[in-house]
Amino acid sequence: QVQLVESGGGLVQPGGSLRLSCAASRSIFSTYVMRWYRQAPGKQRELVASITSGATTNYADSVKGRFTISRENAENTVYLKMNSLKSEDTAVYYCNAFKRLPAGVFDYWGQGTQVTVSS
């Protein structure tokens, strides 16, 4: 079992920045694909960014050039740096750890952290 704990959310003005953190409970963190999802009220959860164990990153078109995902395997932590925030970035942000093995799929979620972009 892997436990994920997000932090760093809050209220920020449009154009501002936040950095989200996701700390994993186990040292096997380094072998998982780490993802950030978000869910706005009344909308489906969407994938925001992902980073593989080899540090390959991918981003949703809506956040490219503004968000940066990174990982620090020695600290079992993944980050999401969010710049130039817009009101439409308001959502609950969730951390996800994913790994597919012949034995099955391992898929863990954090509890979420609220990000509100408003003046």
C-alpha atoms as a PDB file:
ATOM      1  CA  GLN A   1       0.000   0.000   0.000  1.00  0.00           C
ATOM      2  CA  VAL A   2       1.215   3.502  -0.863  1.00  0.00           C
ATOM      3  CA  GLN A   3      -0.178   6.540   0.915  1.00  0.00           C
ATOM      4  CA  LEU A   4      -0.044   9.912  -0.792  1.00  0.00           C
ATOM      5  CA  VAL A   5      -0.422  13.243   0.988  1.00  0.00           C
ATOM      6  CA  GLU A   6      -0.851  16.448  -0.986  1.00  0.00           C
ATOM      7  CA  SER A   7      -0.129  19.929   0.300  1.00  0.00           C
ATOM      8  CA  GLY A   8       0.393  23.441  -0.994  1.00  0.00           C
ATOM      9  CA  GLY A   9      -3.077  24.364  -2.172  1.00  0.00           C
ATOM     10  CA  GLY A  10      -4.791  27.595  -1.287  1.00  0.00           C
ATOM     11  CA  LEU A  11      -6.235  30.860  -2.544  1.00  0.00           C
ATOM     12  CA  VAL A  12      -4.233  32.824  -5.103  1.00  0.00           C
ATOM     13  CA  GLN A  13      -4.971  35.770  -7.365  1.00  0.00           C
ATOM     14  CA  PRO A  14      -5.064  35.384 -11.142  1.00  0.00           C
ATOM     15  CA  GLY A  15      -1.545  35.488 -12.514  1.00  0.00           C
ATOM     16  CA  GLY A  16      -0.110  34.133  -9.286  1.00  0.00           C
ATOM     17  CA  SER A  17       1.789  30.948  -8.540  1.00  0.00           C
ATOM     18  CA  LEU A  18       1.524  27.934  -6.272  1.00  0.00           C
ATOM     19  CA  ARG A  19       3.574  24.808  -5.785  1.00  0.00           C
ATOM     20  CA  LEU A  20       1.802  21.607  -4.857  1.00  0.00           C
ATOM     21  CA  SER A  21       3.621  18.754  -3.170  1.00  0.00           C
ATOM     22  CA  CYS A  22       2.739  15.084  -2.923  1.00  0.00           C
ATOM     23  CA  ALA A  23       4.625  12.955  -0.444  1.00  0.00           C
ATOM     24  CA  ALA A  24       4.518   9.183  -0.780  1.00  0.00           C
ATOM     25  CA  SER A  25       4.817   6.814   2.124  1.00  0.00           C
ATOM     26  CA  ARG A  26       7.115   4.270   0.593  1.00  0.00           C
ATOM     27  CA  SER A  27      10.505   4.221  -0.997  1.00  0.00           C
ATOM     28  CA  ILE A  28       9.180   2.327  -4.040  1.00  0.00           C
ATOM     29  CA  PHE A  29       7.804   5.674  -5.168  1.00  0.00           C
ATOM     30  CA  SER A  30      10.633   5.951  -7.689  1.00  0.00           C
ATOM     31  CA  THR A  31       9.258   3.104  -9.803  1.00  0.00           C
ATOM     32  CA  TYR A  32       5.772   4.597 -10.232  1.00  0.00           C
ATOM     33  CA  VAL A  33       4.390   6.954 -12.826  1.00  0.00           C
ATOM     34  CA  MET A  34       3.252  10.003 -10.888  1.00  0.00           C
ATOM     35  CA  ARG A  35       0.340  12.103 -12.081  1.00  0.00           C
ATOM     36  CA  TRP A  36      -1.562  15.192 -11.043  1.00  0.00           C
ATOM     37  CA  TYR A  37      -5.267  15.296 -11.778  1.00  0.00           C
ATOM     38  CA  ARG A  38      -7.808  17.984 -11.024  1.00  0.00           C
ATOM     39  CA  GLN A  39     -11.545  18.139 -10.675  1.00  0.00           C
ATOM     40  CA  ALA A  40     -13.549  21.328 -10.828  1.00  0.00           C
ATOM     41  CA  PRO A  41     -17.117  21.520  -9.501  1.00  0.00           C
ATOM     42  CA  GLY A  42     -19.529  19.856 -11.899  1.00  0.00           C
ATOM     43  CA  LYS A  43     -16.760  18.585 -14.144  1.00  0.00           C
ATOM     44  CA  GLN A  44     -14.999  15.296 -14.666  1.00  0.00           C
ATOM     45  CA  ARG A  45     -11.583  14.651 -13.220  1.00  0.00           C
ATOM     46  CA  GLU A  46      -8.911  15.485 -15.768  1.00  0.00           C
ATOM     47  CA  LEU A  47      -5.244  14.613 -16.100  1.00  0.00           C
ATOM     48  CA  VAL A  48      -3.074  17.695 -15.697  1.00  0.00           C
ATOM     49  CA  ALA A  49       0.479  16.355 -15.830  1.00  0.00           C
ATOM     50  CA  SER A  50       2.469  13.166 -15.503  1.00  0.00           C
ATOM     51  CA  ILE A  51       6.063  12.144 -14.965  1.00  0.00           C
ATOM     52  CA  THR A  52       7.557   8.699 -15.459  1.00  0.00           C
ATOM     53  CA  SER A  53      10.251   7.021 -13.402  1.00  0.00           C
ATOM     54  CA  GLY A  54      12.657   8.189 -16.096  1.00  0.00           C
ATOM     55  CA  ALA A  55      11.434  11.787 -15.692  1.00  0.00           C
ATOM     56  CA  THR A  56       9.570  11.984 -18.996  1.00  0.00           C
ATOM     57  CA  THR A  57       6.811  14.542 -18.619  1.00  0.00           C
ATOM     58  CA  ASN A  58       3.488  15.181 -20.296  1.00  0.00           C
ATOM     59  CA  TYR A  59       0.986  17.986 -19.845  1.00  0.00           C
ATOM     60  CA  ALA A  60      -2.583  18.791 -20.702  1.00  0.00           C
ATOM     61  CA  ASP A  61      -2.772  21.411 -23.435  1.00  0.00           C
ATOM     62  CA  SER A  62      -4.523  23.782 -21.049  1.00  0.00           C
ATOM     63  CA  VAL A  63      -1.502  23.980 -18.736  1.00  0.00           C
ATOM     64  CA  LYS A  64       1.451  23.641 -21.125  1.00  0.00           C
ATOM     65  CA  GLY A  65       3.967  26.392 -20.605  1.00  0.00           C
ATOM     66  CA  ARG A  66       2.466  27.322 -17.229  1.00  0.00           C
ATOM     67  CA  PHE A  67       2.759  24.173 -15.076  1.00  0.00           C
ATOM     68  CA  THR A  68       5.828  22.072 -14.364  1.00  0.00           C
ATOM     69  CA  ILE A  69       5.815  18.609 -12.821  1.00  0.00           C
ATOM     70  CA  SER A  70       8.940  17.267 -11.165  1.00  0.00           C
ATOM     71  CA  ARG A  71       9.923  14.508  -8.801  1.00  0.00           C
ATOM     72  CA  GLU A  72      12.501  14.054  -6.097  1.00  0.00           C
ATOM     73  CA  ASN A  73      12.858  10.314  -5.664  1.00  0.00           C
ATOM     74  CA  ALA A  74      15.189  10.613  -2.685  1.00  0.00           C
ATOM     75  CA  GLU A  75      12.391  12.457  -0.860  1.00  0.00           C
ATOM     76  CA  ASN A  76       9.529  10.340  -2.280  1.00  0.00           C
ATOM     77  CA  THR A  77       7.918  13.567  -3.418  1.00  0.00           C
ATOM     78  CA  VAL A  78       6.410  14.882  -6.615  1.00  0.00           C
ATOM     79  CA  TYR A  79       5.740  18.560  -7.229  1.00  0.00           C
ATOM     80  CA  LEU A  80       3.499  20.619  -9.452  1.00  0.00           C
ATOM     81  CA  LYS A  81       4.639  24.197  -9.934  1.00  0.00           C
ATOM     82  CA  MET A  82       1.805  26.311 -11.268  1.00  0.00           C
ATOM     83  CA  ASN A  83       2.481  29.739 -12.744  1.00  0.00           C
ATOM     84  CA  SER A  84       0.243  32.301 -14.419  1.00  0.00           C
ATOM     85  CA  LEU A  85      -2.777  30.817 -12.728  1.00  0.00           C
ATOM     86  CA  LYS A  86      -6.220  31.450 -14.187  1.00  0.00           C
ATOM     87  CA  SER A  87      -9.667  31.234 -12.682  1.00  0.00           C
ATOM     88  CA  GLU A  88     -10.278  28.099 -14.728  1.00  0.00           C
ATOM     89  CA  ASP A  89      -7.463  26.370 -12.842  1.00  0.00           C
ATOM     90  CA  THR A  90      -9.671  26.380  -9.758  1.00  0.00           C
ATOM     91  CA  ALA A  91     -10.203  22.766  -8.730  1.00  0.00           C
ATOM     92  CA  VAL A  92      -9.295  20.080  -6.258  1.00  0.00           C
ATOM     93  CA  TYR A  93      -5.921  18.696  -7.283  1.00  0.00           C
ATOM     94  CA  TYR A  94      -5.162  15.024  -6.720  1.00  0.00           C
ATOM     95  CA  CYS A  95      -1.897  13.146  -6.735  1.00  0.00           C
ATOM     96  CA  ASN A  96      -1.824   9.670  -8.284  1.00  0.00           C
ATOM     97  CA  ALA A  97       0.780   6.906  -8.277  1.00  0.00           C
ATOM     98  CA  PHE A  98       0.397   4.286 -10.995  1.00  0.00           C
ATOM     99  CA  LYS A  99       2.248   1.152 -11.961  1.00  0.00           C
ATOM    100  CA  ARG A 100       1.304  -1.744 -14.193  1.00  0.00           C
ATOM    101  CA  LEU A 101       2.889  -5.133 -13.580  1.00  0.00           C
ATOM    102  CA  PRO A 102       2.081  -8.647 -14.812  1.00  0.00           C
ATOM    103  CA  ALA A 103       0.677  -9.234 -11.344  1.00  0.00           C
ATOM    104  CA  GLY A 104      -1.782  -6.382 -11.719  1.00  0.00           C
ATOM    105  CA  VAL A 105      -2.297  -2.647 -11.637  1.00  0.00           C
ATOM    106  CA  PHE A 106      -1.239  -0.565  -8.668  1.00  0.00           C
ATOM    107  CA  ASP A 107      -3.145   2.708  -8.509  1.00  0.00           C
ATOM    108  CA  TYR A 108      -3.066   5.000  -5.480  1.00  0.00           C
ATOM    109  CA  TRP A 109      -4.646   8.403  -4.819  1.00  0.00           C
ATOM    110  CA  GLY A 110      -4.189  11.209  -2.372  1.00  0.00           C
ATOM    111  CA  GLN A 111      -7.023  13.018  -0.621  1.00  0.00           C
ATOM    112  CA  GLY A 112      -6.751  16.143  -2.762  1.00  0.00           C
ATOM    113  CA  THR A 113      -5.857  19.754  -2.124  1.00  0.00           C
ATOM    114  CA  GLN A 114      -8.022  22.724  -3.056  1.00  0.00           C
ATOM    115  CA  VAL A 115      -6.673  25.387  -5.390  1.00  0.00           C
ATOM    116  CA  THR A 116      -8.771  28.515  -5.788  1.00  0.00           C
ATOM    117  CA  VAL A 117      -7.793  31.248  -8.229  1.00  0.00           C
ATOM    118  CA  SER A 118      -9.775  34.381  -7.561  1.00  0.00           C
ATOM    119  CA  SER A 119      -9.332  38.093  -7.083  1.00  0.00           C
END
